[in-house]
């Protein structure tokens, strides 16, 4: 994989250097929040159960825990057994040193543990507590388990995804969790600003998985409110602009096309030799093209099908028409664009030698994020963190706390 041969590991402090984040979460959403904070320099400490740690550590591909290694890079790990007496006091010592705490237990679990927001804020009045759950901390469904797949279904995403003659389609990735991660990291920054600029207090952030993924679907509820119509699933077609689709080429590869602007659609039609359709009443405006997309799309598709992917890309690039390849992951890893952009890089890895992953984002000129350390081994930082808080690790082990 020539595109990821360059290893990226730096040691320049990031913009969030000096901010300690405690991550009590498991699996994806909470780790996605702290992944972003860690990349930008926050000291993220995973608090994990001694037996097995975060359940994300069990997700592996070819024997390598790739999920863990990618979204838990730049983090630290300590262990703490909450079933043992004294664990709450240890946790509160950590809380006193932190700015942010992230958890994704079922609502009410933190309170049952003796670590409800009232207890945490009493120990650290400036603490920001991000509570992630499927359906929110209150409301009629707060007691329900909320895995991302259920939320992706309930949010409206699945019903609008796929083809009209087939079942709704769930995404093949942790979409709801990753979107919640973005919202969670943003909310942490808002809360930190409230404290640092306005001298405000700490606060509790109630972050469901449902609301973030629903929000990115755009005006689907507004559209329904106006029309009282449920749109059919359109596959890769669009209800908003046409032509727009994924087209099969002569060599079996695909190109994606989006001609969402009037000038672009006209340029496309002329490029495929159908300038006569520019003034055709069926295709004159975007509204016309959307209404008649099932007539227009086969015309575009027929042009694509007579040429290879490379030929189509060359023709449309020269014409200034917005098309792009549809690479699989193998092609993507070797594609010149992410290589040139250094969007895919690698880190040293104890199990695989090195492991490829996405680079830090976004790119910031004044305070760049960095890859600093690989994802931690379970409890790797016990000897660093606990003694700094005044606790002797041998004694903690003897009590079964770590």
Protein backbone atom coordinates (compact mmCIF):
# COMPACT_ATOMS: atom_id res chain seq x y z
CA UNK A 1 0.00 0.00 0.00
CA UNK A 2 2.25 2.76 -1.29
CA UNK A 3 -0.14 5.45 -0.16
CA UNK A 4 0.39 4.81 3.52
CA UNK A 5 4.10 4.10 3.77
CA UNK A 6 4.83 7.39 5.52
CA UNK A 7 4.54 7.12 9.28
CA UNK A 8 3.25 10.15 11.12
CA UNK A 9 4.13 10.60 14.77
CA UNK A 10 4.76 14.04 16.25
CA UNK A 11 5.24 15.57 19.66
CA UNK A 12 4.11 19.18 19.22
CA UNK A 13 1.46 20.19 21.80
CA UNK A 14 -1.98 20.72 20.31
CA UNK A 15 -4.55 23.44 20.91
CA UNK A 16 -6.15 21.39 23.71
CA UNK A 17 -2.87 20.71 25.50
CA UNK A 18 -3.45 20.93 29.26
CA UNK A 19 -7.08 19.77 29.13
CA UNK A 20 -7.64 16.43 30.84
CA UNK A 21 -10.54 14.33 29.57
CA UNK A 22 -11.79 11.24 31.35
CA UNK A 23 -13.38 8.66 29.06
CA UNK A 24 -15.60 6.12 30.80
CA UNK A 25 -17.33 5.15 27.57
CA UNK A 26 -17.37 1.88 25.68
CA UNK A 27 -17.54 1.10 21.97
CA UNK A 28 -17.84 3.88 19.43
CA UNK A 29 -19.72 7.11 20.23
CA UNK A 30 -17.81 8.18 23.34
CA UNK A 31 -14.53 7.11 21.83
CA UNK A 32 -15.36 9.20 18.76
CA UNK A 33 -15.78 12.27 20.97
CA UNK A 34 -12.50 11.77 22.78
CA UNK A 35 -10.70 10.71 19.60
CA UNK A 36 -11.18 14.22 18.21
CA UNK A 37 -10.14 15.87 21.46
CA UNK A 38 -7.06 13.66 21.76
CA UNK A 39 -5.94 14.40 18.19
CA UNK A 40 -5.97 18.08 19.08
CA UNK A 41 -3.82 17.64 22.16
CA UNK A 42 -6.16 16.87 25.06
CA UNK A 43 -4.91 14.32 27.56
CA UNK A 44 -7.57 11.66 27.20
CA UNK A 45 -7.52 8.98 29.89
CA UNK A 46 -9.57 5.87 29.25
CA UNK A 47 -10.92 4.42 32.52
CA UNK A 48 -11.34 0.73 31.78
CA UNK A 49 -12.36 -2.40 33.63
CA UNK A 50 -9.29 -4.52 34.48
CA UNK A 51 -10.84 -7.60 32.89
CA UNK A 52 -10.87 -6.94 29.15
CA UNK A 53 -11.21 -3.16 29.16
CA UNK A 54 -13.35 -1.28 26.66
CA UNK A 55 -15.48 -3.69 24.61
CA UNK A 56 -14.09 -2.03 21.50
CA UNK A 57 -10.88 -3.94 22.16
CA UNK A 58 -12.73 -7.14 21.14
CA UNK A 59 -13.54 -5.90 17.63
CA UNK A 60 -10.82 -7.26 15.36
CA UNK A 61 -9.97 -7.82 11.72
CA UNK A 62 -7.44 -10.53 10.86
CA UNK A 63 -6.57 -10.67 14.55
CA UNK A 64 -5.83 -6.94 14.81
CA UNK A 65 -8.11 -4.65 16.82
CA UNK A 66 -8.32 -2.01 14.13
CA UNK A 67 -11.29 -0.08 15.56
CA UNK A 68 -9.47 0.36 18.84
CA UNK A 69 -6.18 1.28 17.23
CA UNK A 70 -7.71 3.92 14.96
CA UNK A 71 -10.10 5.80 17.26
CA UNK A 72 -8.15 5.35 20.48
CA UNK A 73 -4.84 6.66 19.18
CA UNK A 74 -3.33 9.51 21.22
CA UNK A 75 -5.10 8.28 24.39
CA UNK A 76 -3.95 6.84 27.71
CA UNK A 77 -5.41 3.89 29.63
CA UNK A 78 -5.83 3.20 33.32
CA UNK A 79 -7.81 0.41 34.90
CA UNK A 80 -10.30 0.67 37.75
CA UNK A 81 -12.55 -2.02 39.19
CA UNK A 82 -15.74 -0.29 40.30
CA UNK A 83 -16.90 -3.43 42.08
CA UNK A 84 -14.22 -2.95 44.72
CA UNK A 85 -14.53 -0.71 47.75
CA UNK A 86 -12.57 2.48 47.29
CA UNK A 87 -13.06 2.72 43.53
CA UNK A 88 -15.41 5.72 43.79
CA UNK A 89 -12.85 7.66 45.83
CA UNK A 90 -10.18 6.92 43.23
CA UNK A 91 -12.49 8.03 40.44
CA UNK A 92 -13.29 11.27 42.26
CA UNK A 93 -9.59 11.98 42.61
CA UNK A 94 -9.33 11.72 38.84
CA UNK A 95 -12.43 13.89 38.42
CA UNK A 96 -10.86 16.64 40.49
CA UNK A 97 -8.05 16.90 37.96
CA UNK A 98 -10.21 16.86 34.83
CA UNK A 99 -12.06 19.32 32.62
CA UNK A 100 -14.31 16.87 30.74
CA UNK A 101 -15.84 13.47 31.54
CA UNK A 102 -17.49 11.32 28.87
CA UNK A 103 -19.78 8.37 29.65
CA UNK A 104 -22.29 6.32 27.68
CA UNK A 105 -23.90 4.10 30.28
CA UNK A 106 -27.62 3.48 30.23
CA UNK A 107 -29.29 6.54 31.82
CA UNK A 108 -29.28 6.23 35.60
CA UNK A 109 -26.28 3.90 35.75
CA UNK A 110 -23.84 6.62 36.78
CA UNK A 111 -26.17 7.58 39.63
CA UNK A 112 -26.40 3.95 40.80
CA UNK A 113 -22.62 3.79 40.85
CA UNK A 114 -22.52 6.76 43.21
CA UNK A 115 -21.12 9.04 40.51
CA UNK A 116 -24.15 11.06 39.49
CA UNK A 117 -23.64 14.60 38.18
CA UNK A 118 -24.36 16.07 41.61
CA UNK A 119 -21.49 14.07 43.12
CA UNK A 120 -19.12 14.81 40.24
CA UNK A 121 -19.86 18.54 40.21
CA UNK A 122 -19.53 18.73 44.00
CA UNK A 123 -15.98 17.43 43.61
CA UNK A 124 -15.22 19.57 40.54
CA UNK A 125 -17.64 22.47 39.94
CA UNK A 126 -16.04 23.20 36.55
CA UNK A 127 -16.43 19.68 35.21
CA UNK A 128 -18.13 19.20 31.84
CA UNK A 129 -20.05 15.91 31.82
CA UNK A 130 -21.00 14.52 28.40
CA UNK A 131 -23.65 11.83 28.79
CA UNK A 132 -24.21 9.79 25.63
CA UNK A 133 -27.21 7.48 25.26
CA UNK A 134 -29.42 6.17 22.50
CA UNK A 135 -32.52 8.17 23.29
CA UNK A 136 -31.50 10.80 25.83
CA UNK A 137 -31.32 11.07 29.61
CA UNK A 138 -35.06 11.77 29.95
CA UNK A 139 -38.23 11.20 27.99
CA UNK A 140 -40.37 8.17 27.26
CA UNK A 141 -37.57 6.08 25.72
CA UNK A 142 -34.70 7.00 28.03
CA UNK A 143 -34.82 3.54 29.63
CA UNK A 144 -34.43 1.72 26.32
CA UNK A 145 -31.11 0.40 25.01
CA UNK A 146 -29.98 2.59 22.14
CA UNK A 147 -27.53 0.98 19.77
CA UNK A 148 -26.70 2.96 16.64
CA UNK A 149 -28.53 0.60 14.29
CA UNK A 150 -31.82 1.21 16.12
CA UNK A 151 -31.28 4.95 15.99
CA UNK A 152 -30.37 4.89 12.31
CA UNK A 153 -33.67 3.12 11.71
CA UNK A 154 -35.78 5.36 13.96
CA UNK A 155 -34.22 8.64 12.82
CA UNK A 156 -35.63 8.37 9.30
CA UNK A 157 -32.28 7.55 7.70
CA UNK A 158 -33.01 3.92 6.83
CA UNK A 159 -36.40 4.69 5.30
CA UNK A 160 -34.87 7.17 2.85
CA UNK A 161 -31.84 5.00 2.04
CA UNK A 162 -31.88 2.31 -0.65
CA UNK A 163 -34.12 1.59 -3.62
CA UNK A 164 -37.90 1.90 -3.86
CA UNK A 165 -38.46 -1.79 -4.65
CA UNK A 166 -36.23 -3.08 -1.85
CA UNK A 167 -36.16 -2.86 1.95
CA UNK A 168 -34.77 0.19 3.78
CA UNK A 169 -30.99 0.06 4.17
CA UNK A 170 -28.94 0.59 7.33
CA UNK A 171 -25.42 2.00 6.89
CA UNK A 172 -22.49 -0.44 6.89
CA UNK A 173 -20.66 1.64 9.51
CA UNK A 174 -21.29 3.20 12.93
CA UNK A 175 -22.86 6.28 11.38
CA UNK A 176 -24.97 7.45 14.33
CA UNK A 177 -22.07 6.98 16.74
CA UNK A 178 -19.62 8.90 14.59
CA UNK A 179 -22.03 11.79 14.02
CA UNK A 180 -22.70 11.92 17.77
CA UNK A 181 -18.94 12.03 18.24
CA UNK A 182 -18.73 15.19 16.16
CA UNK A 183 -21.56 16.82 18.11
CA UNK A 184 -20.02 15.70 21.39
CA UNK A 185 -16.61 17.18 20.62
CA UNK A 186 -18.28 20.41 19.49
CA UNK A 187 -20.38 20.60 22.65
CA UNK A 188 -17.26 20.11 24.76
CA UNK A 189 -15.65 23.09 23.05
CA UNK A 190 -18.76 25.23 23.61
CA UNK A 191 -18.82 24.30 27.29
CA UNK A 192 -15.09 24.93 27.70
CA UNK A 193 -15.53 28.38 26.19
CA UNK A 194 -18.39 29.08 28.59
CA UNK A 195 -16.05 28.36 31.48
CA UNK A 196 -12.89 30.00 30.20
CA UNK A 197 -14.37 33.13 28.60
CA UNK A 198 -17.58 33.71 30.54
CA UNK A 199 -16.43 32.20 33.85
CA UNK A 200 -19.45 29.92 33.76
CA UNK A 201 -19.86 26.73 35.80
CA UNK A 202 -19.47 23.15 34.70
CA UNK A 203 -22.49 21.52 33.13
CA UNK A 204 -24.12 18.31 31.95
CA UNK A 205 -24.47 17.68 28.22
CA UNK A 206 -27.30 15.30 27.31
CA UNK A 207 -26.27 13.83 23.94
CA UNK A 208 -28.53 11.21 22.39
CA UNK A 209 -27.58 9.24 19.30
CA UNK A 210 -31.00 9.88 17.78
CA UNK A 211 -30.96 13.66 17.51
CA UNK A 212 -27.56 14.08 15.79
CA UNK A 213 -28.23 11.55 13.02
CA UNK A 214 -31.75 12.92 12.55
CA UNK A 215 -30.37 16.45 12.26
CA UNK A 216 -28.07 15.61 9.33
CA UNK A 217 -31.00 14.37 7.26
CA UNK A 218 -31.83 17.99 6.51
CA UNK A 219 -35.36 19.25 5.88
CA UNK A 220 -37.13 15.89 5.60
CA UNK A 221 -39.67 16.81 8.28
CA UNK A 222 -40.16 20.30 6.84
CA UNK A 223 -40.73 18.78 3.40
CA UNK A 224 -43.29 16.35 4.78
CA UNK A 225 -45.00 19.12 6.74
CA UNK A 226 -45.42 21.08 3.51
CA UNK A 227 -46.48 18.23 1.24
CA UNK A 228 -47.85 15.50 3.53
CA UNK A 229 -46.02 13.15 1.17
CA UNK A 230 -43.51 10.45 2.05
CA UNK A 231 -40.86 10.41 -0.71
CA UNK A 232 -39.90 7.07 -2.17
CA UNK A 233 -36.39 5.71 -1.81
CA UNK A 234 -34.41 6.70 -4.86
CA UNK A 235 -31.15 4.76 -4.61
CA UNK A 236 -28.42 7.11 -5.80
CA UNK A 237 -30.88 9.41 -7.55
CA UNK A 238 -31.90 12.63 -5.84
CA UNK A 239 -35.25 14.21 -5.11
CA UNK A 240 -33.59 17.63 -5.19
CA UNK A 241 -31.46 17.73 -8.34
CA UNK A 242 -30.95 15.83 -11.60
CA UNK A 243 -29.09 14.24 -13.14
CA UNK A 244 -27.37 12.68 -10.14
CA UNK A 245 -26.45 9.00 -9.90
CA UNK A 246 -23.78 6.34 -9.93
CA UNK A 247 -23.23 4.95 -13.44
CA UNK A 248 -21.70 1.67 -14.57
CA UNK A 249 -18.95 1.98 -17.17
CA UNK A 250 -17.90 -0.35 -19.98
CA UNK A 251 -15.18 -1.96 -17.84
CA UNK A 252 -17.54 -2.69 -14.92
CA UNK A 253 -16.26 0.22 -12.83
CA UNK A 254 -18.42 3.14 -11.77
CA UNK A 255 -18.45 6.93 -11.86
CA UNK A 256 -20.56 9.26 -9.74
CA UNK A 257 -22.12 12.36 -11.23
CA UNK A 258 -23.87 15.35 -9.67
CA UNK A 259 -25.07 18.13 -11.99
CA UNK A 260 -26.93 20.08 -9.32
CA UNK A 261 -26.39 23.53 -10.88
CA UNK A 262 -28.21 24.70 -14.01
CA UNK A 263 -25.01 25.53 -15.92
CA UNK A 264 -23.49 22.17 -14.97
CA UNK A 265 -26.51 20.23 -16.20
CA UNK A 266 -26.45 22.08 -19.51
CA UNK A 267 -22.71 21.46 -19.88
CA UNK A 268 -23.25 17.76 -19.19
CA UNK A 269 -25.92 17.42 -21.85
CA UNK A 270 -23.74 19.12 -24.44
CA UNK A 271 -20.75 16.94 -23.44
CA UNK A 272 -22.66 13.72 -24.10
CA UNK A 273 -23.80 15.05 -27.48
CA UNK A 274 -27.35 15.85 -26.39
CA UNK A 275 -27.34 19.63 -26.54
CA UNK A 276 -30.81 19.31 -28.05
CA UNK A 277 -32.12 18.42 -24.58
CA UNK A 278 -31.02 21.72 -23.02
CA UNK A 279 -34.21 23.40 -24.20
CA UNK A 280 -36.40 20.30 -24.05
CA UNK A 281 -39.38 21.17 -21.82
CA UNK A 282 -38.81 17.95 -19.87
CA UNK A 283 -35.27 18.96 -18.89
CA UNK A 284 -35.13 22.76 -19.18
CA UNK A 285 -34.94 23.53 -15.44
CA UNK A 286 -33.83 21.55 -12.42
CA UNK A 287 -37.45 21.11 -11.39
CA UNK A 288 -38.19 19.70 -14.84
CA UNK A 289 -35.21 17.38 -14.70
CA UNK A 290 -36.13 16.04 -11.27
CA UNK A 291 -39.71 15.42 -12.38
CA UNK A 292 -38.46 13.54 -15.46
CA UNK A 293 -35.29 12.02 -14.04
CA UNK A 294 -36.35 8.50 -14.97
CA UNK A 295 -36.27 9.58 -18.63
CA UNK A 296 -33.05 11.60 -18.37
CA UNK A 297 -31.00 9.16 -16.35
CA UNK A 298 -30.92 6.31 -18.94
CA UNK A 299 -29.66 8.80 -21.53
CA UNK A 300 -26.71 9.73 -19.32
CA UNK A 301 -26.18 6.11 -18.31
CA UNK A 302 -26.03 4.93 -21.92
CA UNK A 303 -23.19 7.36 -22.65
CA UNK A 304 -21.25 6.13 -19.61
CA UNK A 305 -21.82 2.47 -20.46
CA UNK A 306 -20.12 2.84 -23.85
CA UNK A 307 -16.85 4.02 -22.29
CA UNK A 308 -14.46 2.84 -19.61
CA UNK A 309 -14.22 4.59 -16.29
CA UNK A 310 -10.95 6.23 -17.29
CA UNK A 311 -12.42 7.43 -20.58
CA UNK A 312 -15.47 8.90 -18.87
CA UNK A 313 -13.37 10.65 -16.25
CA UNK A 314 -11.10 12.15 -18.90
CA UNK A 315 -14.01 13.39 -21.04
CA UNK A 316 -15.89 15.03 -18.21
CA UNK A 317 -12.83 16.47 -16.53
CA UNK A 318 -11.86 18.19 -19.77
CA UNK A 319 -15.42 19.49 -20.12
CA UNK A 320 -15.52 20.74 -16.53
CA UNK A 321 -18.37 18.44 -15.55
CA UNK A 322 -18.53 17.20 -11.93
CA UNK A 323 -17.95 13.46 -12.02
CA UNK A 324 -15.69 11.24 -9.95
CA UNK A 325 -14.56 7.67 -9.63
CA UNK A 326 -16.20 5.22 -7.20
CA UNK A 327 -13.16 3.35 -5.85
CA UNK A 328 -13.33 0.39 -3.53
CA UNK A 329 -11.08 0.57 -0.48
CA UNK A 330 -8.22 -1.17 -2.26
CA UNK A 331 -8.31 1.37 -5.07
CA UNK A 332 -8.72 4.22 -2.59
CA UNK A 333 -5.58 3.24 -0.67
CA UNK A 334 -3.57 3.49 -3.90
CA UNK A 335 -5.37 6.50 -5.37
CA UNK A 336 -3.14 9.52 -6.04
CA UNK A 337 -5.53 12.02 -4.42
CA UNK A 338 -5.48 10.75 -0.80
CA UNK A 339 -1.78 9.98 -1.23
CA UNK A 340 -1.05 13.53 -2.37
CA UNK A 341 -3.30 14.96 0.34
CA UNK A 342 -1.76 12.63 2.94
CA UNK A 343 -5.30 11.79 4.04
CA UNK A 344 -4.28 8.19 4.76
CA UNK A 345 -1.18 7.67 6.88
CA UNK A 346 0.23 5.03 9.18
CA UNK A 347 1.44 4.67 12.74
CA UNK A 348 3.87 2.21 14.30
CA UNK A 349 1.99 -0.74 15.76
CA UNK A 350 3.07 -3.46 18.15
CA UNK A 351 0.87 -6.11 16.50
CA UNK A 352 0.96 -5.25 12.80
CA UNK A 353 4.27 -3.39 12.54
CA UNK A 354 2.39 -0.38 11.27
CA UNK A 355 -1.28 0.32 10.77
CA UNK A 356 -2.95 2.57 8.22
CA UNK A 357 -5.58 5.09 9.29
CA UNK A 358 -7.06 8.47 8.44
CA UNK A 359 -4.92 11.47 9.18
CA UNK A 360 -5.85 14.15 11.71
CA UNK A 361 -8.61 16.55 10.66
CA UNK A 362 -9.24 19.37 10.12
CA UNK A 363 -5.97 20.96 9.06
CA UNK A 364 -5.22 24.02 11.18
CA UNK A 365 -2.33 26.33 10.36
CA UNK A 366 -1.80 27.76 13.83
CA UNK A 367 -2.55 24.82 16.11
CA UNK A 368 -2.29 21.61 14.09
CA UNK A 369 -3.50 18.30 15.42
CA UNK A 370 -1.04 15.41 15.39
CA UNK A 371 -0.68 11.68 15.66
CA UNK A 372 1.36 11.32 18.84
CA UNK A 373 0.99 7.87 20.34
CA UNK A 374 -0.58 4.55 19.32
CA UNK A 375 -3.73 3.36 21.05
CA UNK A 376 -2.77 2.25 24.57
CA UNK A 377 -2.52 -1.24 25.95
CA UNK A 378 -4.96 -1.98 28.76
CA UNK A 379 -3.76 -0.19 31.89
CA UNK A 380 -0.62 1.02 30.16
CA UNK A 381 -0.66 4.31 32.07
CA UNK A 382 -1.51 3.04 35.57
CA UNK A 383 2.05 3.75 36.70
CA UNK A 384 1.86 7.31 35.37
CA UNK A 385 -1.60 8.45 36.40
CA UNK A 386 -2.33 6.89 39.80
CA UNK A 387 0.96 7.80 41.55
CA UNK A 388 0.59 11.40 40.31
CA UNK A 389 -2.66 11.49 42.31
CA UNK A 390 -0.94 10.13 45.41
CA UNK A 391 -1.80 6.43 45.08
CA UNK A 392 0.68 3.56 45.19
CA UNK A 393 -0.10 1.10 42.41
CA UNK A 394 1.06 -2.02 44.24
CA UNK A 395 -1.41 -1.24 47.01
CA UNK A 396 -4.18 -0.66 44.49
CA UNK A 397 -3.46 -4.00 42.85
CA UNK A 398 -3.43 -5.77 46.20
CA UNK A 399 -6.95 -4.44 46.83
CA UNK A 400 -8.12 -5.55 43.37
CA UNK A 401 -8.81 -1.96 42.31
CA UNK A 402 -6.58 -1.94 39.22
